[in-house]
Amino acid sequence: MKLLHDSLLARLGLCAGEAFTLMELLVVASMVTMLFGSTFFIGIDSYKRYVFRTEQQIVVSVLEKARSRAMNNIHQSAHGVCFHGLNYVIFRSACVANDPMNEYIPANKLIAQSSNFDTLFPTVLFSQSTVTTTPVKIEITDGIRIADIVINYEGTILW
């Protein structure tokens, strides 16, 4: 019986007495578990930062699009941005709900609710050709991070 066992070990390239102890296996398993566990939490935080930055970039690009339309005097009217029903709305002249001329860009529901956009998102109106506006500050938060987007009276978007 011992010869059969020794020949099997020899075929596998092992000698009798060369094996891992239960303690060594437990230590390695716990180290691998800790490594994967810490990676999981780091991954979640990275994803939340990514979502936050993406929403900030969406707000800025919506503002830039409205400003560009006003600057180019498209439809010979002022253009602006407001928030309505979990959407950023690019409008002409005035923010009127369900106007077929409006362009709706969906907002991230969690960030919009954390930032309280239903009540705190200012209506930004860029005048045609000169692109002047009333200075405003838009605060975006996800409950942990906070970012400000500032629009000065000349229509410059700082973020």
N, C-alpha and C. Protein backbone atom coordinates (compact mmCIF):
# COMPACT_ATOMS: atom_id res chain seq x y z
N MET A 1 0.83 -1.18 0.00
CA MET A 1 0.00 0.00 0.00
C MET A 1 0.87 1.24 0.00
N LYS A 2 1.94 1.21 0.83
CA LYS A 2 2.83 2.35 0.90
C LYS A 2 3.52 2.58 -0.44
N LEU A 3 3.88 1.51 -1.13
CA LEU A 3 4.54 1.64 -2.42
C LEU A 3 3.62 2.29 -3.45
N LEU A 4 2.36 1.93 -3.42
CA LEU A 4 1.39 2.52 -4.34
C LEU A 4 1.26 4.02 -4.08
N HIS A 5 1.19 4.38 -2.82
CA HIS A 5 1.07 5.79 -2.41
C HIS A 5 2.31 6.56 -2.84
N ASP A 6 3.51 5.96 -2.59
CA ASP A 6 4.78 6.62 -2.96
C ASP A 6 4.91 6.78 -4.47
N SER A 7 4.47 5.78 -5.23
CA SER A 7 4.58 5.88 -6.69
C SER A 7 3.61 6.94 -7.23
N LEU A 8 2.45 7.07 -6.60
CA LEU A 8 1.50 8.11 -7.01
C LEU A 8 2.08 9.49 -6.74
N LEU A 9 2.67 9.67 -5.59
CA LEU A 9 3.31 10.95 -5.26
C LEU A 9 4.47 11.24 -6.20
N ALA A 10 5.22 10.23 -6.56
CA ALA A 10 6.36 10.41 -7.47
C ALA A 10 5.89 10.86 -8.84
N ARG A 11 4.75 10.31 -9.31
CA ARG A 11 4.21 10.74 -10.61
C ARG A 11 3.77 12.20 -10.58
N LEU A 12 3.32 12.66 -9.44
CA LEU A 12 2.89 14.06 -9.30
C LEU A 12 4.06 14.99 -9.02
N GLY A 13 5.27 14.43 -8.86
CA GLY A 13 6.45 15.24 -8.62
C GLY A 13 6.64 15.60 -7.17
N LEU A 14 6.01 14.87 -6.28
CA LEU A 14 6.12 15.14 -4.85
C LEU A 14 6.80 13.97 -4.15
N CYS A 15 7.44 14.29 -3.07
CA CYS A 15 8.02 13.26 -2.23
C CYS A 15 7.13 13.09 -1.01
N ALA A 16 7.22 11.95 -0.37
CA ALA A 16 6.44 11.72 0.84
C ALA A 16 6.87 12.72 1.90
N GLY A 17 5.92 13.36 2.56
CA GLY A 17 6.23 14.35 3.59
C GLY A 17 6.21 15.76 3.05
N GLU A 18 6.12 15.95 1.74
CA GLU A 18 6.03 17.29 1.17
C GLU A 18 4.57 17.60 0.90
N ALA A 19 3.97 18.39 1.75
CA ALA A 19 2.57 18.79 1.58
C ALA A 19 2.32 20.02 2.44
N PHE A 20 1.22 20.68 2.18
CA PHE A 20 0.86 21.85 2.97
C PHE A 20 0.09 21.40 4.21
N THR A 21 0.37 22.07 5.30
CA THR A 21 -0.38 21.76 6.51
C THR A 21 -1.71 22.49 6.48
N LEU A 22 -2.61 22.08 7.31
CA LEU A 22 -3.92 22.72 7.39
C LEU A 22 -3.76 24.19 7.78
N MET A 23 -2.83 24.50 8.65
CA MET A 23 -2.61 25.88 9.09
C MET A 23 -2.13 26.75 7.93
N GLU A 24 -1.24 26.25 7.13
CA GLU A 24 -0.76 27.01 5.97
C GLU A 24 -1.90 27.29 5.00
N LEU A 25 -2.74 26.30 4.76
CA LEU A 25 -3.88 26.49 3.86
C LEU A 25 -4.85 27.52 4.41
N LEU A 26 -5.10 27.51 5.71
CA LEU A 26 -6.00 28.48 6.33
C LEU A 26 -5.45 29.90 6.25
N VAL A 27 -4.15 30.06 6.45
CA VAL A 27 -3.52 31.38 6.36
C VAL A 27 -3.64 31.94 4.95
N VAL A 28 -3.35 31.12 3.96
CA VAL A 28 -3.45 31.56 2.56
C VAL A 28 -4.89 31.89 2.20
N ALA A 29 -5.83 31.06 2.64
CA ALA A 29 -7.24 31.33 2.34
C ALA A 29 -7.71 32.63 2.99
N SER A 30 -7.27 32.90 4.21
CA SER A 30 -7.68 34.16 4.86
C SER A 30 -7.04 35.37 4.18
N MET A 31 -5.79 35.24 3.71
CA MET A 31 -5.15 36.35 3.01
C MET A 31 -5.87 36.65 1.69
N VAL A 32 -6.25 35.63 0.97
CA VAL A 32 -6.97 35.81 -0.30
C VAL A 32 -8.34 36.45 -0.03
N THR A 33 -9.01 36.01 1.02
CA THR A 33 -10.31 36.58 1.38
C THR A 33 -10.19 38.05 1.73
N MET A 34 -9.17 38.42 2.51
CA MET A 34 -8.97 39.84 2.86
C MET A 34 -8.65 40.67 1.62
N LEU A 35 -7.87 40.13 0.71
CA LEU A 35 -7.53 40.84 -0.51
C LEU A 35 -8.78 41.11 -1.35
N PHE A 36 -9.61 40.10 -1.57
CA PHE A 36 -10.83 40.28 -2.35
C PHE A 36 -11.82 41.19 -1.62
N GLY A 37 -11.89 41.08 -0.31
CA GLY A 37 -12.80 41.93 0.46
C GLY A 37 -12.44 43.40 0.36
N SER A 38 -11.17 43.72 0.48
CA SER A 38 -10.75 45.13 0.39
C SER A 38 -10.93 45.64 -1.03
N THR A 39 -10.71 44.81 -2.02
CA THR A 39 -10.90 45.20 -3.41
C THR A 39 -12.36 45.51 -3.69
N PHE A 40 -13.26 44.75 -3.09
CA PHE A 40 -14.69 44.97 -3.27
C PHE A 40 -15.10 46.36 -2.78
N PHE A 41 -14.63 46.75 -1.57
CA PHE A 41 -14.99 48.06 -1.03
C PHE A 41 -14.34 49.19 -1.82
N ILE A 42 -13.12 49.00 -2.26
CA ILE A 42 -12.46 50.01 -3.08
C ILE A 42 -13.18 50.15 -4.41
N GLY A 43 -13.65 49.05 -4.97
CA GLY A 43 -14.38 49.07 -6.23
C GLY A 43 -15.69 49.82 -6.12
N ILE A 44 -16.42 49.63 -5.03
CA ILE A 44 -17.69 50.34 -4.83
C ILE A 44 -17.46 51.84 -4.73
N ASP A 45 -16.45 52.25 -3.98
CA ASP A 45 -16.16 53.68 -3.84
C ASP A 45 -15.74 54.28 -5.18
N SER A 46 -14.95 53.56 -5.94
CA SER A 46 -14.55 54.06 -7.26
C SER A 46 -15.75 54.23 -8.17
N TYR A 47 -16.68 53.29 -8.11
CA TYR A 47 -17.88 53.38 -8.93
C TYR A 47 -18.73 54.59 -8.52
N LYS A 48 -18.87 54.84 -7.23
CA LYS A 48 -19.65 55.99 -6.76
C LYS A 48 -19.01 57.30 -7.20
N ARG A 49 -17.67 57.38 -7.13
CA ARG A 49 -16.97 58.59 -7.61
C ARG A 49 -17.20 58.78 -9.11
N TYR A 50 -17.15 57.68 -9.86
CA TYR A 50 -17.37 57.73 -11.30
C TYR A 50 -18.77 58.25 -11.62
N VAL A 51 -19.78 57.74 -10.93
CA VAL A 51 -21.17 58.18 -11.16
C VAL A 51 -21.31 59.66 -10.82
N PHE A 52 -20.70 60.10 -9.73
CA PHE A 52 -20.77 61.51 -9.33
C PHE A 52 -20.13 62.42 -10.37
N ARG A 53 -18.91 62.06 -10.81
CA ARG A 53 -18.22 62.88 -11.82
C ARG A 53 -18.99 62.91 -13.14
N THR A 54 -19.57 61.78 -13.51
CA THR A 54 -20.35 61.71 -14.74
C THR A 54 -21.55 62.64 -14.67
N GLU A 55 -22.25 62.66 -13.55
CA GLU A 55 -23.42 63.54 -13.41
C GLU A 55 -22.98 65.01 -13.45
N GLN A 56 -21.86 65.32 -12.84
CA GLN A 56 -21.34 66.69 -12.88
C GLN A 56 -21.03 67.09 -14.34
N GLN A 57 -20.44 66.18 -15.09
CA GLN A 57 -20.13 66.46 -16.49
C GLN A 57 -21.39 66.60 -17.33
N ILE A 58 -22.43 65.85 -17.02
CA ILE A 58 -23.70 65.97 -17.75
C ILE A 58 -24.31 67.34 -17.52
N VAL A 59 -24.30 67.81 -16.27
CA VAL A 59 -24.87 69.14 -15.97
C VAL A 59 -24.10 70.21 -16.73
N VAL A 60 -22.77 70.12 -16.72
CA VAL A 60 -21.96 71.12 -17.41
C VAL A 60 -22.21 71.07 -18.92
N SER A 61 -22.31 69.88 -19.49
CA SER A 61 -22.53 69.81 -20.94
C SER A 61 -23.92 70.31 -21.33
N VAL A 62 -24.93 70.10 -20.48
CA VAL A 62 -26.27 70.63 -20.75
C VAL A 62 -26.23 72.16 -20.71
N LEU A 63 -25.53 72.72 -19.73
CA LEU A 63 -25.40 74.17 -19.64
C LEU A 63 -24.65 74.72 -20.87
N GLU A 64 -23.59 74.04 -21.26
CA GLU A 64 -22.82 74.49 -22.43
C GLU A 64 -23.65 74.43 -23.71
N LYS A 65 -24.50 73.42 -23.83
CA LYS A 65 -25.34 73.29 -25.01
C LYS A 65 -26.35 74.45 -25.09
N ALA A 66 -26.97 74.78 -23.95
CA ALA A 66 -27.92 75.90 -23.93
C ALA A 66 -27.19 77.22 -24.22
N ARG A 67 -26.01 77.39 -23.63
CA ARG A 67 -25.24 78.61 -23.87
C ARG A 67 -24.85 78.73 -25.33
N SER A 68 -24.45 77.62 -25.93
CA SER A 68 -24.06 77.62 -27.34
C SER A 68 -25.23 77.99 -28.24
N ARG A 69 -26.41 77.47 -27.92
CA ARG A 69 -27.59 77.81 -28.72
C ARG A 69 -27.93 79.29 -28.60
N ALA A 70 -27.80 79.83 -27.40
CA ALA A 70 -28.07 81.26 -27.21
C ALA A 70 -27.02 82.10 -27.93
N MET A 71 -25.76 81.69 -27.84
CA MET A 71 -24.67 82.43 -28.47
C MET A 71 -24.83 82.45 -29.98
N ASN A 72 -25.29 81.36 -30.55
CA ASN A 72 -25.48 81.27 -32.00
C ASN A 72 -26.84 81.79 -32.44
N ASN A 73 -27.61 82.29 -31.50
CA ASN A 73 -28.90 82.92 -31.77
C ASN A 73 -29.85 81.98 -32.53
N ILE A 74 -29.84 80.72 -32.13
CA ILE A 74 -30.71 79.73 -32.78
C ILE A 74 -32.16 80.04 -32.44
N HIS A 75 -33.01 80.07 -33.45
CA HIS A 75 -34.44 80.41 -33.34
C HIS A 75 -34.65 81.82 -32.80
N GLN A 76 -33.65 82.67 -32.90
CA GLN A 76 -33.71 84.06 -32.47
C GLN A 76 -34.33 84.21 -31.07
N SER A 77 -33.86 83.37 -30.14
CA SER A 77 -34.38 83.46 -28.78
C SER A 77 -33.31 83.07 -27.78
N ALA A 78 -33.56 83.44 -26.55
CA ALA A 78 -32.68 83.05 -25.46
C ALA A 78 -32.89 81.55 -25.19
N HIS A 79 -31.89 80.91 -24.63
CA HIS A 79 -31.98 79.50 -24.27
C HIS A 79 -31.54 79.34 -22.83
N GLY A 80 -32.04 78.31 -22.19
CA GLY A 80 -31.69 78.09 -20.80
C GLY A 80 -31.85 76.65 -20.38
N VAL A 81 -31.59 76.43 -19.09
CA VAL A 81 -31.68 75.10 -18.49
C VAL A 81 -32.46 75.20 -17.19
N CYS A 82 -33.36 74.26 -17.00
CA CYS A 82 -34.06 74.13 -15.72
C CYS A 82 -34.15 72.63 -15.41
N PHE A 83 -34.72 72.32 -14.26
CA PHE A 83 -34.86 70.93 -13.85
C PHE A 83 -36.33 70.64 -13.63
N HIS A 84 -36.80 69.55 -14.25
CA HIS A 84 -38.22 69.21 -14.10
C HIS A 84 -38.40 67.69 -14.22
N GLY A 85 -39.01 67.09 -13.23
CA GLY A 85 -39.36 65.67 -13.28
C GLY A 85 -38.19 64.73 -13.54
N LEU A 86 -37.10 64.88 -12.80
CA LEU A 86 -35.89 64.07 -12.95
C LEU A 86 -35.22 64.20 -14.31
N ASN A 87 -35.40 65.37 -14.94
CA ASN A 87 -34.76 65.66 -16.22
C ASN A 87 -34.17 67.07 -16.20
N TYR A 88 -33.03 67.21 -16.86
CA TYR A 88 -32.53 68.54 -17.15
C TYR A 88 -33.24 68.96 -18.42
N VAL A 89 -33.75 70.18 -18.45
CA VAL A 89 -34.54 70.63 -19.58
C VAL A 89 -33.83 71.80 -20.24
N ILE A 90 -33.53 71.66 -21.53
CA ILE A 90 -33.01 72.78 -22.31
C ILE A 90 -34.23 73.40 -22.98
N PHE A 91 -34.46 74.68 -22.71
CA PHE A 91 -35.67 75.33 -23.20
C PHE A 91 -35.33 76.59 -23.98
N ARG A 92 -36.35 77.12 -24.67
CA ARG A 92 -36.26 78.40 -25.37
C ARG A 92 -37.08 79.42 -24.62
N SER A 93 -36.53 80.55 -24.34
CA SER A 93 -37.21 81.72 -23.75
C SER A 93 -37.70 81.50 -22.33
N ALA A 94 -38.49 80.47 -22.05
CA ALA A 94 -39.02 80.24 -20.71
C ALA A 94 -39.15 78.75 -20.44
N CYS A 95 -38.94 78.37 -19.19
CA CYS A 95 -39.05 76.97 -18.79
C CYS A 95 -40.52 76.64 -18.55
N VAL A 96 -41.13 76.01 -19.55
CA VAL A 96 -42.53 75.61 -19.46
C VAL A 96 -42.58 74.09 -19.53
N ALA A 97 -43.24 73.48 -18.55
CA ALA A 97 -43.31 72.02 -18.50
C ALA A 97 -44.04 71.46 -19.72
N ASN A 98 -43.53 70.35 -20.23
CA ASN A 98 -44.12 69.60 -21.35
C ASN A 98 -44.21 70.40 -22.65
N ASP A 99 -43.38 71.41 -22.81
CA ASP A 99 -43.31 72.14 -24.08
C ASP A 99 -42.63 71.22 -25.10
N PRO A 100 -43.23 71.02 -26.27
CA PRO A 100 -42.63 70.12 -27.26
C PRO A 100 -41.29 70.62 -27.80
N MET A 101 -40.98 71.90 -27.62
CA MET A 101 -39.70 72.44 -28.09
C MET A 101 -38.57 72.16 -27.10
N ASN A 102 -38.90 71.73 -25.89
CA ASN A 102 -37.88 71.44 -24.88
C ASN A 102 -37.10 70.18 -25.24
N GLU A 103 -35.86 70.15 -24.79
CA GLU A 103 -35.05 68.95 -24.92
C GLU A 103 -34.80 68.41 -23.51
N TYR A 104 -35.11 67.15 -23.28
CA TYR A 104 -35.01 66.54 -21.96
C TYR A 104 -33.80 65.61 -21.90
N ILE A 105 -32.98 65.80 -20.87
CA ILE A 105 -31.83 64.94 -20.64
C ILE A 105 -32.03 64.32 -19.26
N PRO A 106 -32.10 62.98 -19.17
CA PRO A 106 -32.35 62.34 -17.88
C PRO A 106 -31.23 62.58 -16.87
N ALA A 107 -31.63 62.81 -15.63
CA ALA A 107 -30.68 63.00 -14.54
C ALA A 107 -30.54 61.71 -13.76
N ASN A 108 -29.44 61.57 -13.05
CA ASN A 108 -29.25 60.45 -12.14
C ASN A 108 -30.17 60.67 -10.95
N LYS A 109 -31.09 59.75 -10.73
CA LYS A 109 -32.13 59.91 -9.72
C LYS A 109 -31.54 60.11 -8.32
N LEU A 110 -30.54 59.32 -7.94
CA LEU A 110 -29.98 59.42 -6.59
C LEU A 110 -29.28 60.75 -6.35
N ILE A 111 -28.52 61.21 -7.33
CA ILE A 111 -27.82 62.48 -7.16
C ILE A 111 -28.80 63.64 -7.21
N ALA A 112 -29.80 63.57 -8.08
CA ALA A 112 -30.80 64.64 -8.15
C ALA A 112 -31.57 64.76 -6.84
N GLN A 113 -31.89 63.63 -6.22
CA GLN A 113 -32.60 63.67 -4.94
C GLN A 113 -31.68 64.14 -3.82
N SER A 114 -30.42 63.68 -3.80
CA SER A 114 -29.47 64.12 -2.77
C SER A 114 -29.21 65.62 -2.88
N SER A 115 -29.15 66.12 -4.11
CA SER A 115 -28.90 67.54 -4.34
C SER A 115 -30.16 68.39 -4.21
N ASN A 116 -31.30 67.72 -4.06
CA ASN A 116 -32.60 68.41 -3.92
C ASN A 116 -32.86 69.32 -5.12
N PHE A 117 -32.63 68.80 -6.32
CA PHE A 117 -32.78 69.59 -7.54
C PHE A 117 -34.21 70.07 -7.78
N ASP A 118 -35.20 69.33 -7.27
CA ASP A 118 -36.59 69.76 -7.47
C ASP A 118 -36.84 71.17 -6.95
N THR A 119 -36.14 71.54 -5.88
CA THR A 119 -36.35 72.88 -5.31
C THR A 119 -35.12 73.79 -5.43
N LEU A 120 -33.93 73.21 -5.49
CA LEU A 120 -32.71 74.04 -5.45
C LEU A 120 -32.05 74.29 -6.80
N PHE A 121 -32.43 73.56 -7.84
CA PHE A 121 -31.79 73.76 -9.14
C PHE A 121 -32.29 75.08 -9.72
N PRO A 122 -31.39 76.04 -9.95
CA PRO A 122 -31.83 77.34 -10.46
C PRO A 122 -32.15 77.27 -11.96
N THR A 123 -33.08 78.11 -12.38
CA THR A 123 -33.34 78.25 -13.82
C THR A 123 -32.28 79.18 -14.38
N VAL A 124 -31.52 78.68 -15.34
CA VAL A 124 -30.44 79.45 -15.94
C VAL A 124 -30.89 79.85 -17.33
N LEU A 125 -30.87 81.16 -17.62
CA LEU A 125 -31.29 81.66 -18.92
C LEU A 125 -30.15 82.47 -19.53
N PHE A 126 -29.67 82.02 -20.69
CA PHE A 126 -28.62 82.73 -21.41
C PHE A 126 -29.28 83.61 -22.45
N SER A 127 -28.99 84.91 -22.39
CA SER A 127 -29.59 85.82 -23.38
C SER A 127 -28.97 85.57 -24.74
N GLN A 128 -29.71 85.84 -25.78
CA GLN A 128 -29.22 85.56 -27.13
C GLN A 128 -28.09 86.50 -27.52
N SER A 129 -27.19 86.03 -28.31
CA SER A 129 -26.04 86.73 -28.87
C SER A 129 -25.00 87.14 -27.83
N THR A 130 -25.38 87.88 -26.77
CA THR A 130 -24.39 88.35 -25.80
C THR A 130 -24.08 87.30 -24.74
N VAL A 131 -24.95 86.35 -24.56
CA VAL A 131 -24.82 85.25 -23.61
C VAL A 131 -24.59 85.74 -22.19
N THR A 132 -25.26 86.77 -21.80
CA THR A 132 -25.19 87.19 -20.40
C THR A 132 -26.29 86.47 -19.63
N THR A 133 -26.07 86.33 -18.34
CA THR A 133 -27.04 85.64 -17.49
C THR A 133 -26.91 86.16 -16.07
N THR A 134 -27.85 85.83 -15.24
CA THR A 134 -27.77 86.13 -13.83
C THR A 134 -26.81 85.11 -13.21
N PRO A 135 -25.82 85.55 -12.44
CA PRO A 135 -24.87 84.59 -11.84
C PRO A 135 -25.60 83.59 -10.94
N VAL A 136 -25.24 82.33 -11.08
CA VAL A 136 -25.85 81.28 -10.26
C VAL A 136 -24.79 80.27 -9.84
N LYS A 137 -25.13 79.52 -8.80
CA LYS A 137 -24.28 78.42 -8.34
C LYS A 137 -25.16 77.19 -8.21
N ILE A 138 -24.73 76.09 -8.83
CA ILE A 138 -25.44 74.82 -8.76
C ILE A 138 -24.59 73.89 -7.91
N GLU A 139 -25.16 73.39 -6.82
CA GLU A 139 -24.43 72.48 -5.94
C GLU A 139 -24.91 71.06 -6.18
N ILE A 140 -23.95 70.17 -6.48
CA ILE A 140 -24.25 68.77 -6.71
C ILE A 140 -23.67 67.97 -5.55
N THR A 141 -24.46 67.05 -5.01
CA THR A 141 -23.96 66.20 -3.94
C THR A 141 -24.54 64.80 -4.07
N ASP A 142 -23.80 63.85 -3.58
CA ASP A 142 -24.31 62.48 -3.51
C ASP A 142 -24.45 62.05 -2.06
N GLY A 143 -24.38 63.01 -1.15
CA GLY A 143 -24.45 62.73 0.27
C GLY A 143 -23.07 62.65 0.90
N ILE A 144 -22.05 62.43 0.10
CA ILE A 144 -20.67 62.36 0.59
C ILE A 144 -19.83 63.46 -0.04
N ARG A 145 -19.83 63.50 -1.35
CA ARG A 145 -19.06 64.50 -2.09
C ARG A 145 -19.95 65.68 -2.46
N ILE A 146 -19.34 66.86 -2.56
CA ILE A 146 -20.06 68.07 -2.97
C ILE A 146 -19.22 68.76 -4.05
N ALA A 147 -19.88 69.21 -5.12
CA ALA A 147 -19.20 69.96 -6.18
C ALA A 147 -20.08 71.15 -6.56
N ASP A 148 -19.45 72.25 -6.85
CA ASP A 148 -20.17 73.45 -7.26
C ASP A 148 -19.88 73.75 -8.72
N ILE A 149 -20.93 74.13 -9.42
CA ILE A 149 -20.81 74.64 -10.78
C ILE A 149 -21.29 76.08 -10.72
N VAL A 150 -20.41 76.99 -11.08
CA VAL A 150 -20.72 78.42 -10.99
C VAL A 150 -20.80 79.00 -12.39
N ILE A 151 -21.84 79.80 -12.61
CA ILE A 151 -22.00 80.50 -13.89
C ILE A 151 -21.97 81.98 -13.58
N ASN A 152 -21.01 82.70 -14.15
CA ASN A 152 -20.93 84.14 -13.87
C ASN A 152 -21.83 84.92 -14.83
N TYR A 153 -21.91 86.24 -14.65
CA TYR A 153 -22.82 87.06 -15.45
C TYR A 153 -22.48 87.07 -16.94
N GLU A 154 -21.25 86.70 -17.30
CA GLU A 154 -20.87 86.64 -18.70
C GLU A 154 -21.18 85.29 -19.34
N GLY A 155 -21.73 84.37 -18.56
CA GLY A 155 -22.08 83.06 -19.08
C GLY A 155 -20.96 82.04 -19.00
N THR A 156 -19.87 82.38 -18.32
CA THR A 156 -18.76 81.45 -18.17
C THR A 156 -19.13 80.39 -17.13
N ILE A 157 -18.90 79.14 -17.47
CA ILE A 157 -19.23 78.01 -16.59
C ILE A 157 -17.95 77.54 -15.94
N LEU A 158 -17.87 77.66 -14.63
CA LEU A 158 -16.69 77.25 -13.87
C LEU A 158 -17.05 76.03 -13.03
N TRP A 159 -16.22 74.98 -13.15
CA TRP A 159 -16.49 73.78 -12.36
C TRP A 159 -15.23 73.06 -11.98
